[in-house]
N, C-alpha and C. Protein backbone atom coordinates (compact mmCIF):
# COMPACT_ATOMS: atom_id res chain seq x y z
N MET A 1 14.90 -5.99 -26.00
CA MET A 1 14.33 -4.73 -25.51
C MET A 1 14.72 -4.54 -24.04
N GLY A 2 15.16 -3.35 -23.71
CA GLY A 2 15.59 -3.05 -22.35
C GLY A 2 14.43 -2.60 -21.48
N PHE A 3 14.78 -2.18 -20.33
CA PHE A 3 13.82 -1.70 -19.34
C PHE A 3 13.48 -0.25 -19.69
N ASP A 4 12.29 -0.01 -20.17
CA ASP A 4 11.87 1.32 -20.62
C ASP A 4 11.06 2.01 -19.53
N LEU A 5 11.76 2.71 -18.64
CA LEU A 5 11.11 3.36 -17.51
C LEU A 5 10.09 4.40 -17.96
N ARG A 6 10.39 5.12 -19.02
CA ARG A 6 9.47 6.16 -19.50
C ARG A 6 8.10 5.57 -19.85
N SER A 7 8.08 4.50 -20.62
CA SER A 7 6.79 3.92 -21.00
C SER A 7 6.10 3.26 -19.80
N ILE A 8 6.90 2.67 -18.90
CA ILE A 8 6.31 2.09 -17.69
C ILE A 8 5.69 3.20 -16.85
N TYR A 9 6.40 4.31 -16.70
CA TYR A 9 5.88 5.44 -15.93
C TYR A 9 4.58 5.96 -16.55
N GLU A 10 4.58 6.16 -17.86
CA GLU A 10 3.40 6.68 -18.54
C GLU A 10 2.20 5.76 -18.37
N LYS A 11 2.45 4.46 -18.38
CA LYS A 11 1.36 3.49 -18.27
C LYS A 11 0.91 3.27 -16.82
N GLU A 12 1.83 3.32 -15.86
CA GLU A 12 1.53 2.88 -14.50
C GLU A 12 1.52 3.98 -13.44
N ALA A 13 1.90 5.19 -13.76
CA ALA A 13 2.01 6.24 -12.73
C ALA A 13 0.69 6.49 -12.00
N ASP A 14 -0.41 6.55 -12.73
CA ASP A 14 -1.71 6.79 -12.08
C ASP A 14 -2.07 5.65 -11.13
N ARG A 15 -1.78 4.43 -11.55
CA ARG A 15 -2.08 3.27 -10.70
C ARG A 15 -1.23 3.31 -9.43
N VAL A 16 0.04 3.63 -9.55
CA VAL A 16 0.94 3.72 -8.39
C VAL A 16 0.48 4.85 -7.48
N PHE A 17 0.12 5.97 -8.07
CA PHE A 17 -0.37 7.12 -7.29
C PHE A 17 -1.60 6.72 -6.48
N ALA A 18 -2.58 6.08 -7.14
CA ALA A 18 -3.81 5.65 -6.45
C ALA A 18 -3.50 4.62 -5.37
N PHE A 19 -2.62 3.69 -5.68
CA PHE A 19 -2.24 2.64 -4.74
C PHE A 19 -1.62 3.24 -3.48
N LEU A 20 -0.66 4.15 -3.65
CA LEU A 20 0.01 4.75 -2.50
C LEU A 20 -0.91 5.69 -1.73
N SER A 21 -1.87 6.29 -2.39
CA SER A 21 -2.80 7.16 -1.66
C SER A 21 -3.65 6.36 -0.68
N ARG A 22 -3.81 5.05 -0.93
CA ARG A 22 -4.57 4.19 -0.01
C ARG A 22 -3.84 4.02 1.32
N PHE A 23 -2.56 4.36 1.37
CA PHE A 23 -1.78 4.30 2.60
C PHE A 23 -2.00 5.56 3.44
N GLY A 24 -2.80 6.49 2.93
CA GLY A 24 -3.03 7.73 3.65
C GLY A 24 -2.00 8.79 3.31
N LEU A 25 -1.18 8.54 2.31
CA LEU A 25 -0.20 9.54 1.89
C LEU A 25 -0.91 10.60 1.06
N HIS A 26 -0.43 11.82 1.16
CA HIS A 26 -1.00 12.88 0.34
C HIS A 26 0.01 14.00 0.17
N GLY A 27 -0.28 14.88 -0.75
CA GLY A 27 0.60 16.02 -0.99
C GLY A 27 2.00 15.61 -1.41
N ALA A 28 2.96 16.35 -0.90
CA ALA A 28 4.37 16.13 -1.27
C ALA A 28 4.83 14.73 -0.86
N ASP A 29 4.32 14.21 0.26
CA ASP A 29 4.74 12.88 0.70
C ASP A 29 4.29 11.82 -0.31
N LEU A 30 3.08 11.96 -0.84
CA LEU A 30 2.58 11.03 -1.85
C LEU A 30 3.41 11.14 -3.13
N GLU A 31 3.66 12.36 -3.56
CA GLU A 31 4.47 12.56 -4.77
C GLU A 31 5.87 11.98 -4.59
N ASP A 32 6.46 12.18 -3.43
CA ASP A 32 7.79 11.62 -3.15
C ASP A 32 7.77 10.09 -3.18
N ALA A 33 6.72 9.50 -2.63
CA ALA A 33 6.63 8.04 -2.60
C ALA A 33 6.48 7.48 -4.02
N VAL A 34 5.69 8.15 -4.85
CA VAL A 34 5.55 7.72 -6.25
C VAL A 34 6.90 7.82 -6.95
N HIS A 35 7.56 8.95 -6.79
CA HIS A 35 8.89 9.16 -7.38
C HIS A 35 9.85 8.07 -6.92
N ASP A 36 9.90 7.84 -5.61
CA ASP A 36 10.81 6.84 -5.05
C ASP A 36 10.50 5.44 -5.56
N THR A 37 9.23 5.16 -5.80
CA THR A 37 8.85 3.86 -6.35
C THR A 37 9.48 3.65 -7.72
N PHE A 38 9.41 4.66 -8.57
CA PHE A 38 9.97 4.52 -9.91
C PHE A 38 11.50 4.54 -9.90
N VAL A 39 12.10 5.30 -9.01
CA VAL A 39 13.57 5.28 -8.88
C VAL A 39 14.02 3.89 -8.43
N THR A 40 13.32 3.32 -7.46
CA THR A 40 13.64 1.98 -6.99
C THR A 40 13.43 0.96 -8.09
N ALA A 41 12.36 1.12 -8.87
CA ALA A 41 12.12 0.21 -9.99
C ALA A 41 13.28 0.25 -10.98
N LEU A 42 13.78 1.44 -11.26
CA LEU A 42 14.92 1.56 -12.17
C LEU A 42 16.15 0.87 -11.57
N GLN A 43 16.36 1.05 -10.27
CA GLN A 43 17.51 0.43 -9.60
C GLN A 43 17.39 -1.09 -9.58
N ARG A 44 16.15 -1.59 -9.51
CA ARG A 44 15.92 -3.04 -9.43
C ARG A 44 15.49 -3.63 -10.77
N ALA A 45 15.72 -2.91 -11.86
CA ALA A 45 15.28 -3.36 -13.18
C ALA A 45 15.76 -4.77 -13.52
N SER A 46 16.92 -5.14 -13.02
CA SER A 46 17.46 -6.47 -13.32
C SER A 46 16.63 -7.58 -12.67
N THR A 47 15.81 -7.25 -11.68
CA THR A 47 14.98 -8.28 -11.02
C THR A 47 13.63 -8.45 -11.70
N TYR A 48 13.34 -7.60 -12.66
CA TYR A 48 12.04 -7.67 -13.35
C TYR A 48 12.08 -8.73 -14.44
N ASP A 49 11.08 -9.59 -14.47
CA ASP A 49 10.94 -10.62 -15.49
C ASP A 49 10.01 -10.09 -16.57
N PRO A 50 10.54 -9.73 -17.74
CA PRO A 50 9.70 -9.11 -18.78
C PRO A 50 8.62 -10.03 -19.34
N SER A 51 8.65 -11.32 -19.01
CA SER A 51 7.59 -12.21 -19.47
C SER A 51 6.33 -12.07 -18.62
N ARG A 52 6.44 -11.32 -17.53
CA ARG A 52 5.29 -11.10 -16.64
C ARG A 52 4.86 -9.64 -16.70
N PRO A 53 3.62 -9.36 -16.32
CA PRO A 53 3.16 -7.97 -16.31
C PRO A 53 3.96 -7.13 -15.31
N VAL A 54 4.18 -5.89 -15.66
CA VAL A 54 4.99 -5.02 -14.82
C VAL A 54 4.22 -4.50 -13.60
N ALA A 55 2.89 -4.38 -13.70
CA ALA A 55 2.10 -3.77 -12.63
C ALA A 55 2.28 -4.43 -11.27
N PRO A 56 2.16 -5.74 -11.13
CA PRO A 56 2.31 -6.35 -9.80
C PRO A 56 3.72 -6.16 -9.23
N TRP A 57 4.73 -6.26 -10.09
CA TRP A 57 6.11 -6.05 -9.66
C TRP A 57 6.27 -4.62 -9.15
N LEU A 58 5.74 -3.68 -9.90
CA LEU A 58 5.84 -2.27 -9.53
C LEU A 58 5.03 -1.98 -8.27
N LEU A 59 3.83 -2.56 -8.16
CA LEU A 59 3.01 -2.34 -6.97
C LEU A 59 3.63 -2.99 -5.73
N GLY A 60 4.39 -4.05 -5.94
CA GLY A 60 5.14 -4.63 -4.81
C GLY A 60 6.17 -3.65 -4.28
N ILE A 61 6.83 -2.96 -5.20
CA ILE A 61 7.79 -1.92 -4.79
C ILE A 61 7.04 -0.78 -4.11
N ALA A 62 5.91 -0.38 -4.69
CA ALA A 62 5.10 0.71 -4.11
C ALA A 62 4.60 0.32 -2.73
N PHE A 63 4.24 -0.94 -2.56
CA PHE A 63 3.77 -1.40 -1.25
C PHE A 63 4.85 -1.18 -0.20
N ARG A 64 6.07 -1.60 -0.50
CA ARG A 64 7.18 -1.41 0.44
C ARG A 64 7.44 0.07 0.68
N MET A 65 7.30 0.90 -0.34
CA MET A 65 7.49 2.34 -0.20
C MET A 65 6.42 2.92 0.75
N GLY A 66 5.17 2.49 0.55
CA GLY A 66 4.09 2.96 1.41
C GLY A 66 4.27 2.51 2.85
N VAL A 67 4.69 1.26 3.04
CA VAL A 67 4.92 0.73 4.37
C VAL A 67 6.01 1.54 5.07
N ALA A 68 7.09 1.80 4.36
CA ALA A 68 8.20 2.55 4.95
C ALA A 68 7.75 3.95 5.36
N ARG A 69 6.94 4.57 4.55
CA ARG A 69 6.48 5.93 4.87
C ARG A 69 5.50 5.92 6.04
N VAL A 70 4.66 4.91 6.11
CA VAL A 70 3.71 4.80 7.23
C VAL A 70 4.46 4.62 8.53
N ARG A 71 5.51 3.81 8.50
CA ARG A 71 6.29 3.55 9.72
C ARG A 71 6.96 4.80 10.25
N THR A 72 7.36 5.69 9.38
CA THR A 72 8.09 6.88 9.80
C THR A 72 7.23 8.14 9.79
N ALA A 73 5.94 8.00 9.48
CA ALA A 73 5.07 9.17 9.34
C ALA A 73 4.85 9.88 10.67
N ARG A 74 4.90 11.18 10.58
CA ARG A 74 4.55 12.03 11.70
C ARG A 74 3.54 13.04 11.18
N PRO A 75 2.59 13.44 11.99
CA PRO A 75 1.61 14.39 11.49
C PRO A 75 2.28 15.70 11.08
N THR A 76 1.84 16.22 9.95
CA THR A 76 2.35 17.52 9.51
C THR A 76 1.39 18.60 9.97
N VAL A 77 1.85 19.83 9.92
CA VAL A 77 1.02 20.95 10.34
C VAL A 77 -0.28 20.98 9.54
N SER A 78 -0.21 20.63 8.26
CA SER A 78 -1.42 20.67 7.42
C SER A 78 -2.44 19.61 7.83
N GLU A 79 -2.01 18.56 8.53
CA GLU A 79 -2.94 17.52 8.96
C GLU A 79 -3.64 17.87 10.26
N ILE A 80 -3.15 18.86 10.97
CA ILE A 80 -3.74 19.24 12.25
C ILE A 80 -4.74 20.36 11.99
N PRO A 81 -6.02 20.13 12.27
CA PRO A 81 -7.01 21.16 11.98
C PRO A 81 -6.80 22.39 12.86
N GLU A 82 -7.04 23.56 12.25
CA GLU A 82 -6.88 24.81 13.00
C GLU A 82 -7.94 24.93 14.08
N GLN A 83 -9.16 24.52 13.76
CA GLN A 83 -10.24 24.57 14.73
C GLN A 83 -10.96 23.23 14.69
N ALA A 84 -11.53 22.90 15.78
CA ALA A 84 -12.33 21.68 15.82
C ALA A 84 -13.62 21.91 15.05
N ASP A 85 -14.04 20.90 14.33
CA ASP A 85 -15.30 20.96 13.60
C ASP A 85 -16.41 20.73 14.60
N PRO A 86 -17.27 21.75 14.85
CA PRO A 86 -18.31 21.58 15.87
C PRO A 86 -19.32 20.49 15.53
N SER A 87 -19.44 20.14 14.26
CA SER A 87 -20.40 19.11 13.88
C SER A 87 -19.85 17.70 14.10
N GLN A 88 -18.55 17.60 14.36
CA GLN A 88 -17.94 16.29 14.54
C GLN A 88 -17.63 16.06 16.02
N ASP A 89 -17.98 14.88 16.48
CA ASP A 89 -17.71 14.50 17.86
C ASP A 89 -16.21 14.33 18.04
N PRO A 90 -15.59 15.08 18.95
CA PRO A 90 -14.13 15.00 19.13
C PRO A 90 -13.66 13.59 19.48
N GLN A 91 -14.40 12.89 20.30
CA GLN A 91 -14.02 11.53 20.67
C GLN A 91 -14.02 10.62 19.44
N ARG A 92 -15.03 10.78 18.61
CA ARG A 92 -15.14 9.98 17.38
C ARG A 92 -13.97 10.27 16.44
N SER A 93 -13.57 11.54 16.33
CA SER A 93 -12.44 11.91 15.47
C SER A 93 -11.16 11.24 15.94
N VAL A 94 -10.94 11.26 17.23
CA VAL A 94 -9.74 10.64 17.79
C VAL A 94 -9.76 9.13 17.53
N GLU A 95 -10.90 8.51 17.73
CA GLU A 95 -11.02 7.07 17.51
C GLU A 95 -10.77 6.72 16.05
N GLN A 96 -11.28 7.54 15.13
CA GLN A 96 -11.06 7.27 13.70
C GLN A 96 -9.58 7.38 13.34
N ARG A 97 -8.91 8.40 13.85
CA ARG A 97 -7.48 8.56 13.57
C ARG A 97 -6.68 7.39 14.15
N GLN A 98 -7.04 6.96 15.34
CA GLN A 98 -6.34 5.83 15.96
C GLN A 98 -6.57 4.55 15.16
N ALA A 99 -7.79 4.36 14.68
CA ALA A 99 -8.10 3.17 13.89
C ALA A 99 -7.32 3.19 12.57
N GLN A 100 -7.22 4.34 11.94
CA GLN A 100 -6.46 4.45 10.70
C GLN A 100 -4.99 4.13 10.93
N GLN A 101 -4.43 4.63 12.02
CA GLN A 101 -3.03 4.35 12.32
C GLN A 101 -2.82 2.86 12.61
N LEU A 102 -3.76 2.25 13.30
CA LEU A 102 -3.68 0.83 13.60
C LEU A 102 -3.68 0.01 12.31
N VAL A 103 -4.55 0.34 11.39
CA VAL A 103 -4.62 -0.37 10.11
C VAL A 103 -3.31 -0.20 9.34
N LYS A 104 -2.77 1.00 9.31
CA LYS A 104 -1.51 1.25 8.61
C LYS A 104 -0.37 0.44 9.22
N ARG A 105 -0.31 0.42 10.53
CA ARG A 105 0.76 -0.32 11.20
C ARG A 105 0.62 -1.83 10.96
N ALA A 106 -0.60 -2.34 10.99
CA ALA A 106 -0.82 -3.76 10.74
C ALA A 106 -0.50 -4.11 9.29
N LEU A 107 -0.87 -3.26 8.37
CA LEU A 107 -0.58 -3.47 6.96
C LEU A 107 0.93 -3.51 6.72
N ALA A 108 1.66 -2.71 7.46
CA ALA A 108 3.11 -2.65 7.32
C ALA A 108 3.79 -3.96 7.73
N GLU A 109 3.09 -4.81 8.45
CA GLU A 109 3.68 -6.07 8.92
C GLU A 109 3.50 -7.23 7.94
N LEU A 110 2.73 -7.03 6.88
CA LEU A 110 2.50 -8.10 5.92
C LEU A 110 3.71 -8.25 5.00
N SER A 111 3.93 -9.47 4.50
CA SER A 111 4.98 -9.68 3.51
C SER A 111 4.62 -8.92 2.25
N GLU A 112 5.58 -8.73 1.38
CA GLU A 112 5.34 -7.98 0.15
C GLU A 112 4.26 -8.64 -0.70
N GLU A 113 4.34 -9.95 -0.90
CA GLU A 113 3.35 -10.64 -1.72
C GLU A 113 1.97 -10.58 -1.10
N GLN A 114 1.88 -10.90 0.20
CA GLN A 114 0.59 -10.87 0.87
C GLN A 114 0.04 -9.45 0.93
N GLY A 115 0.89 -8.51 1.24
CA GLY A 115 0.45 -7.12 1.34
C GLY A 115 -0.08 -6.59 0.03
N THR A 116 0.58 -6.95 -1.05
CA THR A 116 0.13 -6.50 -2.37
C THR A 116 -1.23 -7.08 -2.70
N VAL A 117 -1.39 -8.39 -2.50
CA VAL A 117 -2.68 -9.02 -2.79
C VAL A 117 -3.77 -8.45 -1.87
N PHE A 118 -3.46 -8.31 -0.60
CA PHE A 118 -4.43 -7.77 0.36
C PHE A 118 -4.85 -6.36 -0.04
N ALA A 119 -3.86 -5.52 -0.35
CA ALA A 119 -4.16 -4.13 -0.71
C ALA A 119 -4.95 -4.06 -2.02
N LEU A 120 -4.57 -4.86 -3.01
CA LEU A 120 -5.29 -4.82 -4.28
C LEU A 120 -6.71 -5.33 -4.13
N PHE A 121 -6.89 -6.45 -3.42
CA PHE A 121 -8.21 -7.07 -3.32
C PHE A 121 -9.10 -6.33 -2.32
N ASP A 122 -8.64 -6.20 -1.09
CA ASP A 122 -9.49 -5.65 -0.03
C ASP A 122 -9.55 -4.12 0.00
N LEU A 123 -8.50 -3.45 -0.44
CA LEU A 123 -8.50 -1.99 -0.38
C LEU A 123 -8.82 -1.34 -1.72
N GLN A 124 -8.39 -1.97 -2.81
CA GLN A 124 -8.61 -1.37 -4.13
C GLN A 124 -9.76 -2.01 -4.89
N GLY A 125 -10.23 -3.17 -4.43
CA GLY A 125 -11.37 -3.81 -5.09
C GLY A 125 -11.04 -4.50 -6.40
N VAL A 126 -9.76 -4.84 -6.61
CA VAL A 126 -9.36 -5.56 -7.81
C VAL A 126 -9.77 -7.02 -7.63
N SER A 127 -10.30 -7.63 -8.69
CA SER A 127 -10.76 -9.02 -8.58
C SER A 127 -9.57 -9.96 -8.43
N ALA A 128 -9.82 -11.10 -7.81
CA ALA A 128 -8.77 -12.10 -7.61
C ALA A 128 -8.24 -12.59 -8.96
N GLN A 129 -9.12 -12.72 -9.94
CA GLN A 129 -8.69 -13.17 -11.27
C GLN A 129 -7.75 -12.15 -11.90
N GLU A 130 -8.07 -10.87 -11.77
CA GLU A 130 -7.19 -9.82 -12.31
C GLU A 130 -5.83 -9.83 -11.61
N ILE A 131 -5.85 -10.02 -10.30
CA ILE A 131 -4.59 -10.07 -9.54
C ILE A 131 -3.76 -11.26 -10.01
N SER A 132 -4.40 -12.41 -10.15
CA SER A 132 -3.70 -13.62 -10.60
C SER A 132 -3.10 -13.41 -11.98
N ASP A 133 -3.90 -12.86 -12.89
CA ASP A 133 -3.42 -12.63 -14.25
C ASP A 133 -2.24 -11.67 -14.27
N SER A 134 -2.34 -10.60 -13.50
CA SER A 134 -1.28 -9.59 -13.54
C SER A 134 -0.01 -10.08 -12.83
N MET A 135 -0.16 -10.96 -11.84
CA MET A 135 1.01 -11.47 -11.13
C MET A 135 1.56 -12.74 -11.76
N GLY A 136 0.82 -13.29 -12.70
CA GLY A 136 1.27 -14.50 -13.36
C GLY A 136 1.27 -15.70 -12.46
N VAL A 137 0.29 -15.77 -11.55
CA VAL A 137 0.19 -16.91 -10.64
C VAL A 137 -1.21 -17.52 -10.76
N PRO A 138 -1.35 -18.78 -10.37
CA PRO A 138 -2.68 -19.40 -10.41
C PRO A 138 -3.65 -18.69 -9.46
N LEU A 139 -4.91 -18.77 -9.80
CA LEU A 139 -5.95 -18.15 -8.97
C LEU A 139 -5.91 -18.69 -7.54
N LYS A 140 -5.67 -19.98 -7.38
CA LYS A 140 -5.59 -20.57 -6.04
C LYS A 140 -4.45 -19.95 -5.22
N THR A 141 -3.36 -19.60 -5.88
CA THR A 141 -2.24 -18.96 -5.18
C THR A 141 -2.65 -17.59 -4.66
N THR A 142 -3.38 -16.86 -5.49
CA THR A 142 -3.86 -15.54 -5.07
C THR A 142 -4.77 -15.67 -3.87
N TYR A 143 -5.71 -16.61 -3.92
CA TYR A 143 -6.61 -16.80 -2.79
C TYR A 143 -5.86 -17.26 -1.54
N SER A 144 -4.85 -18.08 -1.72
CA SER A 144 -4.05 -18.52 -0.57
C SER A 144 -3.31 -17.34 0.05
N ARG A 145 -2.70 -16.51 -0.79
CA ARG A 145 -2.01 -15.33 -0.28
C ARG A 145 -2.98 -14.38 0.42
N LEU A 146 -4.15 -14.23 -0.15
CA LEU A 146 -5.16 -13.36 0.46
C LEU A 146 -5.59 -13.91 1.81
N ARG A 147 -5.84 -15.20 1.88
CA ARG A 147 -6.24 -15.82 3.14
C ARG A 147 -5.15 -15.65 4.21
N LEU A 148 -3.91 -15.93 3.85
CA LEU A 148 -2.80 -15.78 4.79
C LEU A 148 -2.61 -14.31 5.19
N ALA A 149 -2.81 -13.41 4.23
CA ALA A 149 -2.67 -11.97 4.53
C ALA A 149 -3.74 -11.53 5.53
N ARG A 150 -4.95 -12.00 5.34
CA ARG A 150 -6.03 -11.63 6.26
C ARG A 150 -5.76 -12.16 7.66
N ILE A 151 -5.24 -13.38 7.75
CA ILE A 151 -4.91 -13.95 9.06
C ILE A 151 -3.81 -13.14 9.71
N ALA A 152 -2.75 -12.85 8.95
CA ALA A 152 -1.63 -12.08 9.49
C ALA A 152 -2.07 -10.67 9.87
N PHE A 153 -2.92 -10.07 9.06
CA PHE A 153 -3.42 -8.72 9.34
C PHE A 153 -4.23 -8.71 10.64
N ALA A 154 -5.14 -9.68 10.77
CA ALA A 154 -5.96 -9.75 11.98
C ALA A 154 -5.10 -9.99 13.22
N ALA A 155 -4.10 -10.84 13.10
CA ALA A 155 -3.20 -11.10 14.23
C ALA A 155 -2.41 -9.84 14.59
N ALA A 156 -1.97 -9.12 13.57
CA ALA A 156 -1.22 -7.88 13.83
C ALA A 156 -2.10 -6.84 14.51
N VAL A 157 -3.34 -6.72 14.05
CA VAL A 157 -4.26 -5.76 14.68
C VAL A 157 -4.49 -6.13 16.13
N GLU A 158 -4.72 -7.40 16.39
CA GLU A 158 -4.96 -7.85 17.77
C GLU A 158 -3.73 -7.57 18.66
N ARG A 159 -2.56 -7.91 18.16
CA ARG A 159 -1.33 -7.70 18.92
C ARG A 159 -1.09 -6.20 19.17
N LEU A 160 -1.28 -5.39 18.15
CA LEU A 160 -1.07 -3.95 18.30
C LEU A 160 -2.07 -3.33 19.29
N ARG A 161 -3.30 -3.82 19.25
CA ARG A 161 -4.30 -3.33 20.24
C ARG A 161 -3.88 -3.67 21.66
N LYS A 162 -3.38 -4.88 21.86
CA LYS A 162 -2.93 -5.28 23.19
C LYS A 162 -1.75 -4.43 23.64
N GLU A 163 -0.86 -4.11 22.71
CA GLU A 163 0.30 -3.27 23.05
C GLU A 163 -0.12 -1.87 23.45
N GLU A 164 -1.21 -1.38 22.89
CA GLU A 164 -1.68 -0.03 23.20
C GLU A 164 -2.29 0.08 24.59
N ARG A 165 -2.74 -1.04 25.11
CA ARG A 165 -3.38 -1.02 26.43
C ARG A 165 -2.40 -0.82 27.53
């Protein structure tokens, strides 16, 4: 049996869409990232091991796609509010946007394996057992990757904050 992109797309498109939306992508940029994920999957089909579940492999590709888009993202006109919301504190809004950008930049520094586990566990709420099963690795490996990802993420956040000063 060959690499059946159509059935993979039908089964995994919603998951990839939800996963990439956690990067703050939306609209056409989100749709483009999902499309690019599946195009890349087709190009890298020879690297897929059919004895393992396709979801972690595909989400690894999606992770790299999201990271690349976060690194090059610039605010679009639709992201800039026409008027300030009088009920929202302007200082708080700026701080929230800065915090979101900091998280995205720190996430972009994680390795593919660590980033995928981190995003699935801490951002998507997938259990460690489910991640292990879908990636075909022991539970201890998943926890090790998660621990290392959290350390790397915290270090990246700290370093990026220092650079901003």
